[in-house]
Amino acid sequence: MDAISLIGCGRWGTFLGWYAGNCCGFDRVDMYDIPTSPNFVELKETRKNGYLALSDNMVMHEDVAEVLNNETIIVSIGCQHLRSLAKQLNGYALGGKTFLLAMKGLEEPSAKTLEQVFKEEIKQDIHVAILAGPGHVQDYMKGVPSCAVIDSYETETKDRLIKRLSSDLIRFYYGTDMVGNQIGAALKNVIGIAAGILDGLEWYGLKGALMARAPIEVGRFIKHFGGNPQNAYGLAHLGDYEATLFSPHSHNRRFGEMLARGENFGKLAEGVATLKAVKIIADEQGIDMPISQALYKVVYEKADIKETLKSMFERGLKKEFDNDTIC
């Protein structure tokens, strides 16, 4: 029997399990989450959530050991919980298994990529890949196709996953820069918060400038850590802007929008923790990140939004493109 595993039964994780079992030909999808988590309880009691119904080949487990028998394991949990999960998993025999990390974020406060965090804690011979790019569960379940990227330091691992998981619903591209794709995917959530703030202010016209300047800033951050800054213009970052900066389904955009309106979003927005990590590292290492630094003042220091935006416009004038710009 051809089976795949999933750790994390939130909105995105559950969809990926459904996708594997209904679009990629897997006979069984073994799913695990913390048994007391609201998402897991709802799925176990009703076999559905607010987005989809579980198919018969999706099997739920309350013991993580029961989903570690399969060769490929998709991980989709909150980014800040990845290190603790990896420590737990390292207590099991995992040699030769492939883990596909399907989250977008950086560890806070270290700003380490998810692959770095995972490999630091699992001291076994495993294969690790990441999934990034646009797409919302709500659109996929309507049959709206999209594209995404899978990347890995191991060419064979990347090739195997892309060939096995590509379908008429999701076309996967071969990533060529693990650093750039992970940072780009993480920072698009930060830019999504900024876009939501502009929506909350009803300053829609400024989103065009945000979309033009943000990839330059993100590319600068990618380059500092040894990645290819062109990835800021690929599927992992710029390619995810519609889904993150405009979609009503975007948690990060909604967080920013409600913040600007003085309201509480109350759900996970991965960009919040990533923003803090970026601010700390940018300050420590002298990386020019004006959008992220201004956003940090608003989110964490409760600075006045309009005054903060005004201060950005009062910075010294400069060329649109300089030596750090990728065209």
C-alpha atoms as a PDB file:
ATOM      1  CA  MET A   1       0.000   0.000   0.000  1.00  0.00           C
ATOM      2  CA  ASP A   2       1.310   3.444  -1.005  1.00  0.00           C
ATOM      3  CA  ALA A   3       0.973   5.669   2.061  1.00  0.00           C
ATOM      4  CA  ILE A   4       2.140   9.110   3.141  1.00  0.00           C
ATOM      5  CA  SER A   5       2.047  10.787   6.546  1.00  0.00           C
ATOM      6  CA  LEU A   6       1.045  14.216   7.805  1.00  0.00           C
ATOM      7  CA  ILE A   7       1.947  15.934  11.077  1.00  0.00           C
ATOM      8  CA  GLY A   8      -0.269  18.948  11.701  1.00  0.00           C
ATOM      9  CA  CYS A   9      -4.013  19.053  11.047  1.00  0.00           C
ATOM     10  CA  GLY A  10      -4.609  22.767  10.638  1.00  0.00           C
ATOM     11  CA  ARG A  11      -6.169  24.358   7.590  1.00  0.00           C
ATOM     12  CA  TRP A  12      -3.146  23.943   5.299  1.00  0.00           C
ATOM     13  CA  GLY A  13      -1.920  20.625   6.661  1.00  0.00           C
ATOM     14  CA  THR A  14      -5.314  18.955   6.356  1.00  0.00           C
ATOM     15  CA  PHE A  15      -5.591  20.167   2.785  1.00  0.00           C
ATOM     16  CA  LEU A  16      -2.171  18.747   1.918  1.00  0.00           C
ATOM     17  CA  GLY A  17      -3.282  15.414   3.348  1.00  0.00           C
ATOM     18  CA  TRP A  18      -6.466  15.571   1.286  1.00  0.00           C
ATOM     19  CA  TYR A  19      -4.442  16.570  -1.781  1.00  0.00           C
ATOM     20  CA  ALA A  20      -2.039  13.646  -1.394  1.00  0.00           C
ATOM     21  CA  GLY A  21      -4.880  11.175  -1.005  1.00  0.00           C
ATOM     22  CA  ASN A  22      -7.142  12.549  -3.725  1.00  0.00           C
ATOM     23  CA  CYS A  23      -4.879  14.097  -6.365  1.00  0.00           C
ATOM     24  CA  CYS A  24      -1.586  12.203  -6.090  1.00  0.00           C
ATOM     25  CA  GLY A  25      -2.740   8.595  -5.911  1.00  0.00           C
ATOM     26  CA  PHE A  26      -1.732   7.705  -2.341  1.00  0.00           C
ATOM     27  CA  ASP A  27      -3.802   4.827  -0.980  1.00  0.00           C
ATOM     28  CA  ARG A  28      -3.655   6.058   2.619  1.00  0.00           C
ATOM     29  CA  VAL A  29      -2.819   9.288   4.430  1.00  0.00           C
ATOM     30  CA  ASP A  30      -1.843   8.845   8.090  1.00  0.00           C
ATOM     31  CA  MET A  31      -2.535  12.046  10.028  1.00  0.00           C
ATOM     32  CA  TYR A  32      -1.343  13.152  13.464  1.00  0.00           C
ATOM     33  CA  ASP A  33      -1.790  16.206  15.632  1.00  0.00           C
ATOM     34  CA  ILE A  34      -1.870  16.827  19.374  1.00  0.00           C
ATOM     35  CA  PRO A  35      -5.014  14.898  20.383  1.00  0.00           C
ATOM     36  CA  THR A  36      -6.394  17.813  22.407  1.00  0.00           C
ATOM     37  CA  SER A  37      -5.883  20.437  19.709  1.00  0.00           C
ATOM     38  CA  PRO A  38      -9.176  21.969  18.505  1.00  0.00           C
ATOM     39  CA  ASN A  39      -8.393  21.136  14.873  1.00  0.00           C
ATOM     40  CA  PHE A  40      -7.765  17.472  15.650  1.00  0.00           C
ATOM     41  CA  VAL A  41     -10.825  17.161  17.890  1.00  0.00           C
ATOM     42  CA  GLU A  42     -13.075  18.673  15.226  1.00  0.00           C
ATOM     43  CA  LEU A  43     -11.732  16.404  12.494  1.00  0.00           C
ATOM     44  CA  LYS A  44     -11.998  13.288  14.624  1.00  0.00           C
ATOM     45  CA  GLU A  45     -15.569  14.028  15.704  1.00  0.00           C
ATOM     46  CA  THR A  46     -16.981  15.263  12.391  1.00  0.00           C
ATOM     47  CA  ARG A  47     -14.467  14.115   9.700  1.00  0.00           C
ATOM     48  CA  LYS A  48     -14.520  17.663   8.305  1.00  0.00           C
ATOM     49  CA  ASN A  49     -13.459  21.232   9.016  1.00  0.00           C
ATOM     50  CA  GLY A  50     -14.588  24.550   7.608  1.00  0.00           C
ATOM     51  CA  TYR A  51     -12.866  23.861   4.295  1.00  0.00           C
ATOM     52  CA  LEU A  52     -13.131  20.182   3.363  1.00  0.00           C
ATOM     53  CA  ALA A  53     -14.361  16.727   4.348  1.00  0.00           C
ATOM     54  CA  LEU A  54     -11.856  13.949   4.987  1.00  0.00           C
ATOM     55  CA  SER A  55     -11.866  11.186   2.403  1.00  0.00           C
ATOM     56  CA  ASP A  56     -12.049   7.562   3.517  1.00  0.00           C
ATOM     57  CA  ASN A  57      -8.321   7.011   2.960  1.00  0.00           C
ATOM     58  CA  MET A  58      -7.379   9.699   5.509  1.00  0.00           C
ATOM     59  CA  VAL A  59      -6.672   7.974   8.839  1.00  0.00           C
ATOM     60  CA  MET A  60      -6.274   9.906  12.085  1.00  0.00           C
ATOM     61  CA  HIS A  61      -3.825   8.864  14.813  1.00  0.00           C
ATOM     62  CA  GLU A  62      -3.336  10.083  18.382  1.00  0.00           C
ATOM     63  CA  ASP A  63       0.196   8.675  18.696  1.00  0.00           C
ATOM     64  CA  VAL A  64       2.907  10.288  16.580  1.00  0.00           C
ATOM     65  CA  ALA A  65       4.770   6.966  16.371  1.00  0.00           C
ATOM     66  CA  GLU A  66       1.937   5.592  14.239  1.00  0.00           C
ATOM     67  CA  VAL A  67       2.632   8.068  11.423  1.00  0.00           C
ATOM     68  CA  LEU A  68       6.398   7.534  11.339  1.00  0.00           C
ATOM     69  CA  ASN A  69       6.276   4.220   9.498  1.00  0.00           C
ATOM     70  CA  ASN A  70       5.820   5.799   6.069  1.00  0.00           C
ATOM     71  CA  GLU A  71       8.784   6.949   4.022  1.00  0.00           C
ATOM     72  CA  THR A  72       7.491  10.477   3.352  1.00  0.00           C
ATOM     73  CA  ILE A  73       6.128  12.741   6.093  1.00  0.00           C
ATOM     74  CA  ILE A  74       4.622  16.175   5.488  1.00  0.00           C
ATOM     75  CA  VAL A  75       4.996  18.596   8.405  1.00  0.00           C
ATOM     76  CA  SER A  76       2.610  21.549   8.701  1.00  0.00           C
ATOM     77  CA  ILE A  77       2.595  23.086  12.171  1.00  0.00           C
ATOM     78  CA  GLY A  78       3.227  26.521  13.666  1.00  0.00           C
ATOM     79  CA  CYS A  79       6.807  27.475  12.798  1.00  0.00           C
ATOM     80  CA  GLN A  80       7.703  28.355  16.388  1.00  0.00           C
ATOM     81  CA  HIS A  81       6.794  24.804  17.483  1.00  0.00           C
ATOM     82  CA  LEU A  82       9.034  23.070  14.949  1.00  0.00           C
ATOM     83  CA  ARG A  83      12.090  22.765  17.192  1.00  0.00           C
ATOM     84  CA  SER A  84      10.148  21.077  19.986  1.00  0.00           C
ATOM     85  CA  LEU A  85       8.550  18.680  17.488  1.00  0.00           C
ATOM     86  CA  ALA A  86      11.950  17.829  16.019  1.00  0.00           C
ATOM     87  CA  LYS A  87      13.333  17.078  19.486  1.00  0.00           C
ATOM     88  CA  GLN A  88      10.399  14.731  20.055  1.00  0.00           C
ATOM     89  CA  LEU A  89      10.810  13.002  16.691  1.00  0.00           C
ATOM     90  CA  ASN A  90      14.520  12.452  17.251  1.00  0.00           C
ATOM     91  CA  GLY A  91      13.582   9.853  19.859  1.00  0.00           C
ATOM     92  CA  TYR A  92      12.336   7.554  17.073  1.00  0.00           C
ATOM     93  CA  ALA A  93      14.215   5.708  14.341  1.00  0.00           C
ATOM     94  CA  LEU A  94      13.953   7.980  11.316  1.00  0.00           C
ATOM     95  CA  GLY A  95      16.912   6.973   9.160  1.00  0.00           C
ATOM     96  CA  GLY A  96      16.231   7.371   5.449  1.00  0.00           C
ATOM     97  CA  LYS A  97      12.853   9.087   5.835  1.00  0.00           C
ATOM     98  CA  THR A  98      11.889  12.221   3.921  1.00  0.00           C
ATOM     99  CA  PHE A  99      10.326  15.227   5.637  1.00  0.00           C
ATOM    100  CA  LEU A 100       8.580  17.905   3.581  1.00  0.00           C
ATOM    101  CA  LEU A 101       8.293  21.115   5.615  1.00  0.00           C
ATOM    102  CA  ALA A 102       5.184  22.915   4.394  1.00  0.00           C
ATOM    103  CA  MET A 103       5.301  26.034   6.582  1.00  0.00           C
ATOM    104  CA  LYS A 104       6.547  29.546   5.865  1.00  0.00           C
ATOM    105  CA  GLY A 105       8.465  31.326   8.580  1.00  0.00           C
ATOM    106  CA  LEU A 106      11.733  31.841  10.424  1.00  0.00           C
ATOM    107  CA  GLU A 107      12.476  30.820  13.986  1.00  0.00           C
ATOM    108  CA  GLU A 108      12.195  33.681  16.454  1.00  0.00           C
ATOM    109  CA  PRO A 109      14.512  35.155  17.682  1.00  0.00           C
ATOM    110  CA  SER A 110      17.311  33.272  15.847  1.00  0.00           C
ATOM    111  CA  ALA A 111      15.961  33.939  12.308  1.00  0.00           C
ATOM    112  CA  LYS A 112      17.080  30.415  11.400  1.00  0.00           C
ATOM    113  CA  THR A 113      15.322  28.732   8.509  1.00  0.00           C
ATOM    114  CA  LEU A 114      12.995  25.832   9.208  1.00  0.00           C
ATOM    115  CA  GLU A 115      15.350  23.365   7.544  1.00  0.00           C
ATOM    116  CA  GLN A 116      18.162  24.547   9.822  1.00  0.00           C
ATOM    117  CA  VAL A 117      16.010  24.130  12.936  1.00  0.00           C
ATOM    118  CA  PHE A 118      14.835  20.671  11.908  1.00  0.00           C
ATOM    119  CA  LYS A 119      18.297  19.354  11.043  1.00  0.00           C
ATOM    120  CA  GLU A 120      19.807  20.763  14.244  1.00  0.00           C
ATOM    121  CA  GLU A 121      17.477  18.666  16.407  1.00  0.00           C
ATOM    122  CA  ILE A 122      17.132  15.474  14.352  1.00  0.00           C
ATOM    123  CA  LYS A 123      20.594  13.980  14.459  1.00  0.00           C
ATOM    124  CA  GLN A 124      19.847  11.145  12.059  1.00  0.00           C
ATOM    125  CA  ASP A 125      20.297  10.530   8.344  1.00  0.00           C
ATOM    126  CA  ILE A 126      17.082  12.041   7.036  1.00  0.00           C
ATOM    127  CA  HIS A 127      16.081  13.897   3.865  1.00  0.00           C
ATOM    128  CA  VAL A 128      14.523  17.350   4.177  1.00  0.00           C
ATOM    129  CA  ALA A 129      12.690  19.468   1.607  1.00  0.00           C
ATOM    130  CA  ILE A 130      10.539  22.585   1.775  1.00  0.00           C
ATOM    131  CA  LEU A 131       7.331  23.604   0.005  1.00  0.00           C
ATOM    132  CA  ALA A 132       6.635  27.259  -0.804  1.00  0.00           C
ATOM    133  CA  GLY A 133       4.499  29.341  -3.114  1.00  0.00           C
ATOM    134  CA  PRO A 134       0.963  30.659  -3.530  1.00  0.00           C
ATOM    135  CA  GLY A 135      -2.330  28.909  -2.916  1.00  0.00           C
ATOM    136  CA  HIS A 136      -5.274  28.952  -0.541  1.00  0.00           C
ATOM    137  CA  VAL A 137      -7.293  25.945   0.575  1.00  0.00           C
ATOM    138  CA  GLN A 138     -10.522  27.727  -0.318  1.00  0.00           C
ATOM    139  CA  ASP A 139      -9.397  28.197  -3.927  1.00  0.00           C
ATOM    140  CA  TYR A 140      -7.961  24.708  -4.327  1.00  0.00           C
ATOM    141  CA  MET A 141     -11.179  23.139  -3.089  1.00  0.00           C
ATOM    142  CA  LYS A 142     -13.007  25.030  -5.840  1.00  0.00           C
ATOM    143  CA  GLY A 143     -10.672  23.436  -8.358  1.00  0.00           C
ATOM    144  CA  VAL A 144      -8.640  26.593  -8.988  1.00  0.00           C
ATOM    145  CA  PRO A 145      -5.106  25.446  -9.939  1.00  0.00           C
ATOM    146  CA  SER A 146      -1.865  27.108  -8.899  1.00  0.00           C
ATOM    147  CA  CYS A 147       1.901  26.691  -8.948  1.00  0.00           C
ATOM    148  CA  ALA A 148       4.369  26.173  -6.116  1.00  0.00           C
ATOM    149  CA  VAL A 149       8.009  25.265  -5.558  1.00  0.00           C
ATOM    150  CA  ILE A 150       9.677  22.356  -3.774  1.00  0.00           C
ATOM    151  CA  ASP A 151      13.318  22.743  -2.828  1.00  0.00           C
ATOM    152  CA  SER A 152      15.967  20.646  -1.122  1.00  0.00           C
ATOM    153  CA  TYR A 153      19.728  20.509  -0.843  1.00  0.00           C
ATOM    154  CA  GLU A 154      19.412  16.982  -2.244  1.00  0.00           C
ATOM    155  CA  THR A 155      18.585  16.830  -5.946  1.00  0.00           C
ATOM    156  CA  GLU A 156      17.232  13.284  -5.756  1.00  0.00           C
ATOM    157  CA  THR A 157      14.893  14.135  -2.876  1.00  0.00           C
ATOM    158  CA  LYS A 158      13.592  17.190  -4.689  1.00  0.00           C
ATOM    159  CA  ASP A 159      13.076  15.292  -7.934  1.00  0.00           C
ATOM    160  CA  ARG A 160      11.232  12.438  -6.239  1.00  0.00           C
ATOM    161  CA  LEU A 161       8.836  14.719  -4.354  1.00  0.00           C
ATOM    162  CA  ILE A 162       8.054  16.946  -7.319  1.00  0.00           C
ATOM    163  CA  LYS A 163       7.296  14.013  -9.600  1.00  0.00           C
ATOM    164  CA  ARG A 164       5.165  12.304  -6.951  1.00  0.00           C
ATOM    165  CA  LEU A 165       3.177  15.349  -5.814  1.00  0.00           C
ATOM    166  CA  SER A 166       2.584  17.277  -9.050  1.00  0.00           C
ATOM    167  CA  SER A 167      -0.932  17.143 -10.476  1.00  0.00           C
ATOM    168  CA  ASP A 168      -3.428  19.069 -12.563  1.00  0.00           C
ATOM    169  CA  LEU A 169      -4.233  21.103  -9.437  1.00  0.00           C
ATOM    170  CA  ILE A 170      -0.702  22.072  -8.354  1.00  0.00           C
ATOM    171  CA  ARG A 171       2.242  22.390 -10.719  1.00  0.00           C
ATOM    172  CA  PHE A 172       5.491  22.172  -8.739  1.00  0.00           C
ATOM    173  CA  TYR A 173       8.694  23.814  -9.920  1.00  0.00           C
ATOM    174  CA  TYR A 174      12.218  22.749  -8.985  1.00  0.00           C
ATOM    175  CA  GLY A 175      13.662  25.167  -6.441  1.00  0.00           C
ATOM    176  CA  THR A 176      17.320  26.070  -6.840  1.00  0.00           C
ATOM    177  CA  ASP A 177      18.065  28.007  -3.635  1.00  0.00           C
ATOM    178  CA  MET A 178      17.047  26.684  -0.227  1.00  0.00           C
ATOM    179  CA  VAL A 179      18.135  29.846   1.572  1.00  0.00           C
ATOM    180  CA  GLY A 180      16.384  32.219  -0.823  1.00  0.00           C
ATOM    181  CA  ASN A 181      13.186  30.213  -1.056  1.00  0.00           C
ATOM    182  CA  GLN A 182      12.833  29.788   2.704  1.00  0.00           C
ATOM    183  CA  ILE A 183      13.564  33.427   3.514  1.00  0.00           C
ATOM    184  CA  GLY A 184      11.391  34.635   0.642  1.00  0.00           C
ATOM    185  CA  ALA A 185       8.475  32.473   1.764  1.00  0.00           C
ATOM    186  CA  ALA A 186       8.837  33.628   5.369  1.00  0.00           C
ATOM    187  CA  LEU A 187       9.095  37.329   4.622  1.00  0.00           C
ATOM    188  CA  LYS A 188       6.099  37.412   2.305  1.00  0.00           C
ATOM    189  CA  ASN A 189       4.062  36.945   5.504  1.00  0.00           C
ATOM    190  CA  VAL A 190       5.683  40.070   6.936  1.00  0.00           C
ATOM    191  CA  ILE A 191       4.835  42.025   3.796  1.00  0.00           C
ATOM    192  CA  GLY A 192       1.305  40.619   4.028  1.00  0.00           C
ATOM    193  CA  ILE A 193       0.881  42.325   7.413  1.00  0.00           C
ATOM    194  CA  ALA A 194       2.034  45.625   5.905  1.00  0.00           C
ATOM    195  CA  ALA A 195      -0.463  45.221   3.056  1.00  0.00           C
ATOM    196  CA  GLY A 196      -3.249  44.532   5.541  1.00  0.00           C
ATOM    197  CA  ILE A 197      -2.435  47.714   7.444  1.00  0.00           C
ATOM    198  CA  LEU A 198      -2.785  49.707   4.214  1.00  0.00           C
ATOM    199  CA  ASP A 199      -6.132  47.995   3.604  1.00  0.00           C
ATOM    200  CA  GLY A 200      -7.245  48.900   7.114  1.00  0.00           C
ATOM    201  CA  LEU A 201      -6.341  52.530   6.454  1.00  0.00           C
ATOM    202  CA  GLU A 202      -7.987  52.295   3.011  1.00  0.00           C
ATOM    203  CA  TRP A 203      -4.706  53.495   1.501  1.00  0.00           C
ATOM    204  CA  TYR A 204      -4.987  51.014  -1.333  1.00  0.00           C
ATOM    205  CA  GLY A 205      -2.877  52.974  -3.801  1.00  0.00           C
ATOM    206  CA  LEU A 206       0.223  52.606  -1.634  1.00  0.00           C
ATOM    207  CA  LYS A 207       0.141  48.816  -2.026  1.00  0.00           C
ATOM    208  CA  GLY A 208       1.661  49.196  -5.486  1.00  0.00           C
ATOM    209  CA  ALA A 209       4.699  50.912  -4.002  1.00  0.00           C
ATOM    210  CA  LEU A 210       4.854  48.246  -1.300  1.00  0.00           C
ATOM    211  CA  MET A 211       4.918  45.483  -3.910  1.00  0.00           C
ATOM    212  CA  ALA A 212       7.682  47.245  -5.839  1.00  0.00           C
ATOM    213  CA  ARG A 213       9.946  48.031  -2.887  1.00  0.00           C
ATOM    214  CA  ALA A 214       9.422  44.937  -0.713  1.00  0.00           C
ATOM    215  CA  PRO A 215      11.170  42.415  -3.012  1.00  0.00           C
ATOM    216  CA  ILE A 216      14.228  44.698  -3.094  1.00  0.00           C
ATOM    217  CA  GLU A 217      14.332  44.692   0.710  1.00  0.00           C
ATOM    218  CA  VAL A 218      13.743  40.948   0.914  1.00  0.00           C
ATOM    219  CA  GLY A 219      16.371  40.293  -1.749  1.00  0.00           C
ATOM    220  CA  ARG A 220      18.847  42.250   0.363  1.00  0.00           C
ATOM    221  CA  PHE A 221      18.100  39.997   3.348  1.00  0.00           C
ATOM    222  CA  ILE A 222      18.413  36.854   1.213  1.00  0.00           C
ATOM    223  CA  LYS A 223      21.740  38.007  -0.217  1.00  0.00           C
ATOM    224  CA  HIS A 224      23.134  38.715   3.260  1.00  0.00           C
ATOM    225  CA  PHE A 225      22.604  35.071   4.211  1.00  0.00           C
ATOM    226  CA  GLY A 226      24.192  33.679   1.075  1.00  0.00           C
ATOM    227  CA  GLY A 227      21.080  33.116  -1.020  1.00  0.00           C
ATOM    228  CA  ASN A 228      20.247  34.331  -4.513  1.00  0.00           C
ATOM    229  CA  PRO A 229      18.323  37.629  -4.216  1.00  0.00           C
ATOM    230  CA  GLN A 230      16.457  36.813  -7.438  1.00  0.00           C
ATOM    231  CA  ASN A 231      14.360  34.408  -5.393  1.00  0.00           C
ATOM    232  CA  ALA A 232      12.538  37.436  -3.984  1.00  0.00           C
ATOM    233  CA  TYR A 233      10.935  37.620  -7.449  1.00  0.00           C
ATOM    234  CA  GLY A 234      10.011  33.930  -7.610  1.00  0.00           C
ATOM    235  CA  LEU A 235       7.063  31.811  -6.523  1.00  0.00           C
ATOM    236  CA  ALA A 236       8.130  31.686  -2.876  1.00  0.00           C
ATOM    237  CA  HIS A 237       7.900  35.457  -2.407  1.00  0.00           C
ATOM    238  CA  LEU A 238       6.559  37.740  -5.155  1.00  0.00           C
ATOM    239  CA  GLY A 239       4.577  34.844  -6.622  1.00  0.00           C
ATOM    240  CA  ASP A 240       2.725  34.556  -3.320  1.00  0.00           C
ATOM    241  CA  TYR A 241       1.735  38.227  -3.147  1.00  0.00           C
ATOM    242  CA  GLU A 242      -1.788  37.835  -4.509  1.00  0.00           C
ATOM    243  CA  ALA A 243      -2.580  35.117  -1.982  1.00  0.00           C
ATOM    244  CA  THR A 244      -0.971  37.032   0.887  1.00  0.00           C
ATOM    245  CA  LEU A 245      -1.366  40.751   0.146  1.00  0.00           C
ATOM    246  CA  PHE A 246      -4.837  40.728  -1.430  1.00  0.00           C
ATOM    247  CA  SER A 247      -6.781  37.593  -0.593  1.00  0.00           C
ATOM    248  CA  PRO A 248      -9.498  37.776   2.090  1.00  0.00           C
ATOM    249  CA  HIS A 249      -8.269  34.334   3.202  1.00  0.00           C
ATOM    250  CA  SER A 250      -4.775  35.579   4.153  1.00  0.00           C
ATOM    251  CA  HIS A 251      -4.246  35.460   7.925  1.00  0.00           C
ATOM    252  CA  ASN A 252      -1.317  37.869   7.751  1.00  0.00           C
ATOM    253  CA  ARG A 253      -3.193  40.434   5.681  1.00  0.00           C
ATOM    254  CA  ARG A 254      -6.210  40.140   7.964  1.00  0.00           C
ATOM    255  CA  PHE A 255      -4.002  40.590  11.040  1.00  0.00           C
ATOM    256  CA  GLY A 256      -2.635  43.859   9.634  1.00  0.00           C
ATOM    257  CA  GLU A 257      -6.036  45.084   8.502  1.00  0.00           C
ATOM    258  CA  MET A 258      -7.609  44.523  11.897  1.00  0.00           C
ATOM    259  CA  LEU A 259      -4.597  46.033  13.661  1.00  0.00           C
ATOM    260  CA  ALA A 260      -5.069  49.233  11.650  1.00  0.00           C
ATOM    261  CA  ARG A 261      -8.714  49.270  12.696  1.00  0.00           C
ATOM    262  CA  GLY A 262      -7.900  48.715  16.352  1.00  0.00           C
ATOM    263  CA  GLU A 263      -9.304  45.194  16.361  1.00  0.00           C
ATOM    264  CA  ASN A 264      -7.863  41.830  17.451  1.00  0.00           C
ATOM    265  CA  PHE A 265      -7.472  39.119  14.803  1.00  0.00           C
ATOM    266  CA  GLY A 266      -7.167  36.258  17.297  1.00  0.00           C
ATOM    267  CA  LYS A 267      -5.668  33.672  14.929  1.00  0.00           C
ATOM    268  CA  LEU A 268      -2.142  32.569  14.005  1.00  0.00           C
ATOM    269  CA  ALA A 269      -0.358  34.996  11.686  1.00  0.00           C
ATOM    270  CA  GLU A 270       3.125  33.562  11.118  1.00  0.00           C
ATOM    271  CA  GLY A 271       4.460  36.916   9.966  1.00  0.00           C
ATOM    272  CA  VAL A 272       4.301  38.353  13.482  1.00  0.00           C
ATOM    273  CA  ALA A 273       7.032  36.098  14.902  1.00  0.00           C
ATOM    274  CA  THR A 274       9.044  36.270  11.668  1.00  0.00           C
ATOM    275  CA  LEU A 275       8.948  40.078  11.829  1.00  0.00           C
ATOM    276  CA  LYS A 276      10.565  40.047  15.264  1.00  0.00           C
ATOM    277  CA  ALA A 277      13.303  37.685  14.101  1.00  0.00           C
ATOM    278  CA  VAL A 278      14.023  39.825  11.035  1.00  0.00           C
ATOM    279  CA  LYS A 279      14.188  43.023  13.094  1.00  0.00           C
ATOM    280  CA  ILE A 280      16.637  41.530  15.583  1.00  0.00           C
ATOM    281  CA  ILE A 281      18.976  40.161  12.911  1.00  0.00           C
ATOM    282  CA  ALA A 282      18.730  43.268  10.710  1.00  0.00           C
ATOM    283  CA  ASP A 283      19.738  45.474  13.638  1.00  0.00           C
ATOM    284  CA  GLU A 284      22.552  43.165  14.732  1.00  0.00           C
ATOM    285  CA  GLN A 285      24.052  42.792  11.268  1.00  0.00           C
ATOM    286  CA  GLY A 286      23.277  46.185   9.768  1.00  0.00           C
ATOM    287  CA  ILE A 287      20.883  45.070   7.035  1.00  0.00           C
ATOM    288  CA  ASP A 288      18.797  47.936   5.644  1.00  0.00           C
ATOM    289  CA  MET A 289      15.165  46.800   6.078  1.00  0.00           C
ATOM    290  CA  PRO A 290      13.044  49.995   6.268  1.00  0.00           C
ATOM    291  CA  ILE A 291       9.677  48.336   5.679  1.00  0.00           C
ATOM    292  CA  SER A 292      10.261  45.622   8.256  1.00  0.00           C
ATOM    293  CA  GLN A 293      11.705  48.062  10.785  1.00  0.00           C
ATOM    294  CA  ALA A 294       8.748  50.426  10.437  1.00  0.00           C
ATOM    295  CA  LEU A 295       6.334  47.518  10.702  1.00  0.00           C
ATOM    296  CA  TYR A 296       8.064  46.319  13.874  1.00  0.00           C
ATOM    297  CA  LYS A 297       7.461  49.719  15.491  1.00  0.00           C
ATOM    298  CA  VAL A 298       3.753  49.461  14.717  1.00  0.00           C
ATOM    299  CA  VAL A 299       3.239  45.805  15.697  1.00  0.00           C
ATOM    300  CA  TYR A 300       5.524  45.504  18.717  1.00  0.00           C
ATOM    301  CA  GLU A 301       6.028  49.058  19.962  1.00  0.00           C
ATOM    302  CA  LYS A 302       2.465  50.211  19.239  1.00  0.00           C
ATOM    303  CA  ALA A 303       3.704  53.219  17.301  1.00  0.00           C
ATOM    304  CA  ASP A 304       1.148  55.391  15.541  1.00  0.00           C
ATOM    305  CA  ILE A 305       0.656  53.925  12.071  1.00  0.00           C
ATOM    306  CA  LYS A 306       0.283  57.172  10.122  1.00  0.00           C
ATOM    307  CA  GLU A 307       3.189  58.847  11.913  1.00  0.00           C
ATOM    308  CA  THR A 308       5.375  55.825  11.196  1.00  0.00           C
ATOM    309  CA  LEU A 309       4.471  55.918   7.511  1.00  0.00           C
ATOM    310  CA  LYS A 310       5.165  59.653   7.470  1.00  0.00           C
ATOM    311  CA  SER A 311       8.653  59.054   8.884  1.00  0.00           C
ATOM    312  CA  MET A 312       9.362  56.606   6.042  1.00  0.00           C
ATOM    313  CA  PHE A 313       8.540  59.313   3.506  1.00  0.00           C
ATOM    314  CA  GLU A 314      10.862  61.731   5.293  1.00  0.00           C
ATOM    315  CA  ARG A 315      13.931  59.511   4.825  1.00  0.00           C
ATOM    316  CA  GLY A 316      16.725  60.707   2.573  1.00  0.00           C
ATOM    317  CA  LEU A 317      15.924  60.618  -1.141  1.00  0.00           C
ATOM    318  CA  LYS A 318      17.627  57.911  -3.192  1.00  0.00           C
ATOM    319  CA  LYS A 319      17.718  56.206  -6.575  1.00  0.00           C
ATOM    320  CA  GLU A 320      15.014  53.635  -7.251  1.00  0.00           C
ATOM    321  CA  PHE A 321      17.619  51.054  -8.279  1.00  0.00           C
ATOM    322  CA  ASP A 322      21.094  50.706  -6.839  1.00  0.00           C
ATOM    323  CA  ASN A 323      23.762  48.015  -6.630  1.00  0.00           C
ATOM    324  CA  ASP A 324      21.618  45.938  -4.263  1.00  0.00           C
ATOM    325  CA  THR A 325      18.716  45.868  -6.686  1.00  0.00           C
ATOM    326  CA  ILE A 326      18.045  42.809  -8.810  1.00  0.00           C
ATOM    327  CA  CYS A 327      16.467  43.461 -12.202  1.00  0.00           C
END
